[in-house]
Amino acid sequence: MANAVFPKHQEDHFTAARSVRDVVIGMADGLTVPFALAAGLAGAQAGNQIIVTAGLAEIVAGAIAMGLGGYLAARTDWEHYESEKNRELQETYDKPEQEAKEVADVFRGYGLEENLTQAVVVAIRADRTRWVDFMMRFELGLEAPEPGRANWSAMWIGSSYLVGGLVPLAPYMITRDPSIALVSSIIVTAIALLAFGYFKGKMTTLHPWRSGFQTLSIGGAAATVAYLVARSIA
């Protein structure tokens, strides 16, 4: 028994939630907004050349705008984290005993015995970087942003919007008849929303089909409303 070898325990957890969120944001808007624009123009009897030109212009502009929005949001998260981290660091110098008490309160909340709590507090205080990191996570609930997060967020959101936007626009590029292109666009967009939701659910939930139909319903409703607004204006 002393020499028994136990199989290594390996846990499979999904760790790319932020990237998936960026793809969801970009793809969902990319599938719905260009579809509504193209459908509205088709309803206004615009020719395919105008629909494709306007659609491509919207996709490029939308991808840039969405990517920039993702960059600014991630940059803001990083600046907020750094600001709070500097504040916590200063507090370990200005009021160390109060900060130490807050560390102890965290462990008391988990039911740790007082003698063990004090021993852990002493160990954490011995390393100021570890101390500050602990307070950031357990007092403020803030996780350190990923390095280069802003650039990656902009890339994922922008590229996802670009790819998603080409799906409903593709039928207008293939056929000359706007009516046939509209019906085809509805079909391929619905399939894309269902497939996108399914794979999103496959990666993040235990119910991929529910996620697929939910994405189809929400995206379809958003596209329908946007289409009706565009049609009424046109």
Protein backbone atom coordinates (compact mmCIF):
# COMPACT_ATOMS: atom_id res chain seq x y z
CA MET A 1 0.00 0.00 0.00
CA ALA A 2 2.89 2.34 0.76
CA ASN A 3 4.05 2.11 -2.84
CA ALA A 4 0.60 2.26 -4.40
CA VAL A 5 0.34 4.67 -7.28
CA PHE A 6 -2.95 6.51 -7.58
CA PRO A 7 -4.11 7.99 -10.87
CA LYS A 8 -3.61 11.70 -11.11
CA HIS A 9 -6.84 13.58 -10.59
CA GLN A 10 -7.54 15.99 -13.38
CA GLU A 11 -10.40 18.46 -13.41
CA ASP A 12 -11.65 19.91 -16.66
CA HIS A 13 -12.95 23.42 -16.17
CA PHE A 14 -13.81 26.03 -18.75
CA THR A 15 -11.41 28.96 -18.28
CA ALA A 16 -12.04 31.18 -21.30
CA ALA A 17 -15.27 32.80 -20.11
CA ARG A 18 -14.15 36.33 -20.96
CA SER A 19 -13.17 35.43 -24.51
CA VAL A 20 -16.47 33.62 -25.01
CA ARG A 21 -18.32 36.65 -23.69
CA ASP A 22 -16.53 38.83 -26.25
CA VAL A 23 -17.38 36.42 -29.07
CA VAL A 24 -21.01 36.31 -27.92
CA ILE A 25 -21.25 40.10 -27.90
CA GLY A 26 -19.69 40.47 -31.35
CA MET A 27 -21.40 37.52 -33.03
CA ALA A 28 -24.87 38.25 -31.66
CA ASP A 29 -24.81 41.84 -32.90
CA GLY A 30 -23.15 40.82 -36.16
CA LEU A 31 -25.91 38.34 -36.94
CA THR A 32 -28.79 40.69 -36.15
CA VAL A 33 -27.88 44.27 -37.13
CA PRO A 34 -26.69 43.64 -40.72
CA PHE A 35 -29.64 41.29 -41.23
CA ALA A 36 -32.11 43.98 -40.20
CA LEU A 37 -30.39 46.58 -42.37
CA ALA A 38 -30.36 44.33 -45.44
CA ALA A 39 -33.94 43.22 -44.85
CA GLY A 40 -35.13 46.79 -44.44
CA LEU A 41 -33.44 47.85 -47.67
CA ALA A 42 -34.89 44.83 -49.45
CA GLY A 43 -38.34 45.79 -48.21
CA ALA A 44 -37.79 49.27 -49.60
CA GLN A 45 -37.17 47.73 -53.04
CA ALA A 46 -33.46 48.56 -53.05
CA GLY A 47 -31.28 46.66 -55.51
CA ASN A 48 -28.81 44.01 -54.41
CA GLN A 49 -25.81 46.19 -55.21
CA ILE A 50 -27.05 48.89 -52.85
CA ILE A 51 -27.90 46.30 -50.17
CA VAL A 52 -24.47 44.66 -50.38
CA THR A 53 -22.62 47.99 -50.44
CA ALA A 54 -24.56 49.36 -47.48
CA GLY A 55 -24.28 46.06 -45.65
CA LEU A 56 -20.51 45.82 -46.05
CA ALA A 57 -20.09 49.44 -44.96
CA GLU A 58 -22.18 48.74 -41.85
CA ILE A 59 -20.27 45.55 -41.05
CA VAL A 60 -16.89 47.29 -41.25
CA ALA A 61 -18.07 50.30 -39.26
CA GLY A 62 -19.83 48.08 -36.73
CA ALA A 63 -16.79 45.83 -36.28
CA ILE A 64 -14.57 48.85 -35.64
CA ALA A 65 -17.05 50.44 -33.24
CA MET A 66 -17.70 47.20 -31.35
CA GLY A 67 -14.00 46.41 -31.15
CA LEU A 68 -13.23 49.89 -29.85
CA GLY A 69 -16.00 49.54 -27.29
CA GLY A 70 -14.53 46.23 -26.11
CA TYR A 71 -11.07 47.78 -25.86
CA LEU A 72 -12.28 50.74 -23.81
CA ALA A 73 -14.33 48.50 -21.50
CA ALA A 74 -11.37 46.18 -20.83
CA ARG A 75 -9.04 49.15 -20.41
CA THR A 76 -11.44 50.65 -17.87
CA ASP A 77 -11.49 47.36 -15.94
CA TRP A 78 -7.69 47.35 -15.83
CA GLU A 79 -7.49 50.98 -14.67
CA HIS A 80 -10.10 50.31 -11.98
CA TYR A 81 -8.19 47.27 -10.74
CA GLU A 82 -4.89 49.15 -10.61
CA SER A 83 -6.50 52.06 -8.77
CA GLU A 84 -8.01 49.79 -6.13
CA LYS A 85 -4.77 47.82 -5.82
CA ASN A 86 -2.77 51.00 -5.15
CA ARG A 87 -5.36 52.04 -2.57
CA GLU A 88 -5.14 48.68 -0.81
CA LEU A 89 -1.34 48.82 -0.87
CA GLN A 90 -1.36 52.24 0.76
CA GLU A 91 -3.79 51.04 3.42
CA THR A 92 -1.37 48.27 4.43
CA TYR A 93 1.07 51.06 5.33
CA ASP A 94 -1.41 53.54 6.80
CA LYS A 95 -3.59 51.17 8.86
CA PRO A 96 -2.01 47.72 8.88
CA GLU A 97 -3.86 46.46 11.96
CA GLN A 98 -7.25 47.21 10.46
CA GLU A 99 -6.26 45.49 7.24
CA ALA A 100 -5.02 42.50 9.21
CA LYS A 101 -8.34 42.35 11.05
CA GLU A 102 -10.14 42.27 7.71
CA VAL A 103 -8.00 39.30 6.66
CA ALA A 104 -8.85 37.53 9.92
CA ASP A 105 -12.57 38.23 9.41
CA VAL A 106 -12.44 36.47 6.06
CA PHE A 107 -11.08 33.27 7.62
CA ARG A 108 -13.45 33.51 10.57
CA GLY A 109 -16.26 33.59 8.04
CA TYR A 110 -15.08 30.19 6.81
CA GLY A 111 -15.18 28.80 10.36
CA LEU A 112 -11.42 28.62 10.90
CA GLU A 113 -10.36 28.34 14.56
CA GLU A 114 -8.95 31.50 16.12
CA ASN A 115 -5.42 30.19 16.67
CA LEU A 116 -5.21 29.01 13.07
CA THR A 117 -6.71 32.28 11.85
CA GLN A 118 -4.03 34.33 13.59
CA ALA A 119 -1.27 32.06 12.25
CA VAL A 120 -2.55 32.49 8.68
CA VAL A 121 -2.84 36.27 9.11
CA VAL A 122 0.77 36.46 10.27
CA ALA A 123 1.88 34.40 7.26
CA ILE A 124 -0.05 36.58 4.81
CA ARG A 125 1.24 39.82 6.37
CA ALA A 126 4.81 38.62 5.91
CA ASP A 127 4.51 39.16 2.15
CA ARG A 128 2.96 42.54 1.28
CA THR A 129 2.31 41.59 -2.34
CA ARG A 130 0.46 38.45 -1.27
CA TRP A 131 -1.36 40.49 1.36
CA VAL A 132 -2.61 43.03 -1.16
CA ASP A 133 -3.58 40.31 -3.65
CA PHE A 134 -5.56 38.54 -0.93
CA MET A 135 -7.47 41.72 -0.06
CA MET A 136 -8.17 42.46 -3.71
CA ARG A 137 -9.71 39.04 -4.21
CA PHE A 138 -11.51 38.38 -0.94
CA GLU A 139 -12.39 41.87 0.29
CA LEU A 140 -13.16 43.61 -3.00
CA GLY A 141 -13.92 40.55 -5.15
CA LEU A 142 -11.62 41.74 -7.94
CA GLU A 143 -9.52 39.45 -10.12
CA ALA A 144 -6.38 40.68 -11.85
CA PRO A 145 -7.16 41.42 -15.52
CA GLU A 146 -5.40 39.25 -18.08
CA PRO A 147 -2.30 40.83 -19.66
CA GLY A 148 -3.23 42.41 -22.98
CA ARG A 149 -6.91 41.86 -22.22
CA ALA A 150 -7.97 45.12 -23.92
CA ASN A 151 -6.30 44.23 -27.22
CA TRP A 152 -7.67 40.68 -27.21
CA SER A 153 -11.16 41.90 -26.34
CA ALA A 154 -11.12 44.34 -29.24
CA MET A 155 -9.92 41.62 -31.61
CA TRP A 156 -12.48 39.01 -30.51
CA ILE A 157 -15.46 41.37 -30.54
CA GLY A 158 -14.52 43.08 -33.80
CA SER A 159 -13.70 39.89 -35.70
CA SER A 160 -16.79 38.11 -34.37
CA TYR A 161 -18.98 40.98 -35.52
CA LEU A 162 -17.33 40.87 -38.94
CA VAL A 163 -17.86 37.12 -39.33
CA GLY A 164 -21.41 37.25 -37.97
CA GLY A 165 -22.33 40.15 -40.23
CA LEU A 166 -21.28 38.34 -43.40
CA VAL A 167 -23.72 35.48 -42.71
CA PRO A 168 -27.01 37.35 -43.36
CA LEU A 169 -25.40 39.40 -46.12
CA ALA A 170 -24.03 36.42 -48.08
CA PRO A 171 -27.35 35.56 -49.87
CA TYR A 172 -27.52 39.10 -51.29
CA MET A 173 -24.03 38.58 -52.73
CA ILE A 174 -24.99 35.28 -54.36
CA THR A 175 -28.39 36.00 -55.92
CA ARG A 176 -29.67 38.99 -57.87
CA ASP A 177 -33.26 38.73 -56.61
CA PRO A 178 -33.70 40.68 -53.31
CA SER A 179 -36.86 38.69 -52.43
CA ILE A 180 -35.08 35.33 -52.73
CA ALA A 181 -32.06 36.78 -50.93
CA LEU A 182 -34.27 37.97 -48.05
CA VAL A 183 -35.81 34.53 -47.53
CA SER A 184 -32.39 32.90 -47.78
CA SER A 185 -30.95 35.43 -45.36
CA ILE A 186 -33.68 34.65 -42.81
CA ILE A 187 -32.98 30.91 -43.08
CA VAL A 188 -29.18 31.08 -42.84
CA THR A 189 -29.32 33.65 -40.03
CA ALA A 190 -31.71 31.46 -38.04
CA ILE A 191 -29.47 28.42 -38.55
CA ALA A 192 -26.41 30.45 -37.58
CA LEU A 193 -28.07 31.75 -34.40
CA LEU A 194 -29.14 28.24 -33.41
CA ALA A 195 -25.69 26.76 -34.12
CA PHE A 196 -23.90 29.63 -32.40
CA GLY A 197 -26.07 29.31 -29.32
CA TYR A 198 -25.58 25.54 -29.24
CA PHE A 199 -21.79 25.71 -29.35
CA LYS A 200 -21.80 28.57 -26.83
CA GLY A 201 -23.88 26.41 -24.51
CA LYS A 202 -21.62 23.43 -25.18
CA MET A 203 -18.67 25.38 -23.83
CA THR A 204 -20.32 27.21 -20.95
CA THR A 205 -23.42 25.30 -19.76
CA LEU A 206 -24.86 21.81 -19.36
CA HIS A 207 -27.77 22.54 -21.71
CA PRO A 208 -26.44 23.39 -25.20
CA TRP A 209 -29.78 22.95 -26.98
CA ARG A 210 -31.52 25.24 -24.52
CA SER A 211 -28.78 27.79 -25.13
CA GLY A 212 -29.21 27.34 -28.88
CA PHE A 213 -32.96 27.96 -28.89
CA GLN A 214 -32.57 30.81 -26.42
CA THR A 215 -30.03 32.50 -28.68
CA LEU A 216 -32.27 31.90 -31.69
CA SER A 217 -35.28 33.37 -29.88
CA ILE A 218 -33.49 36.43 -28.56
CA GLY A 219 -31.57 37.08 -31.77
CA GLY A 220 -34.67 36.47 -33.88
CA ALA A 221 -36.75 38.85 -31.77
CA ALA A 222 -34.07 41.54 -31.92
CA ALA A 223 -33.70 41.11 -35.70
CA THR A 224 -37.47 41.22 -36.20
CA VAL A 225 -37.86 44.45 -34.23
CA ALA A 226 -34.90 46.03 -36.01
CA TYR A 227 -36.32 44.93 -39.38
CA LEU A 228 -39.74 46.39 -38.63
CA VAL A 229 -38.20 49.69 -37.58
CA ALA A 230 -36.01 49.81 -40.71
CA ARG A 231 -38.96 48.84 -42.89
CA SER A 232 -41.21 51.52 -41.38
CA ILE A 233 -38.56 54.19 -41.89
CA ALA A 234 -37.76 53.04 -45.42
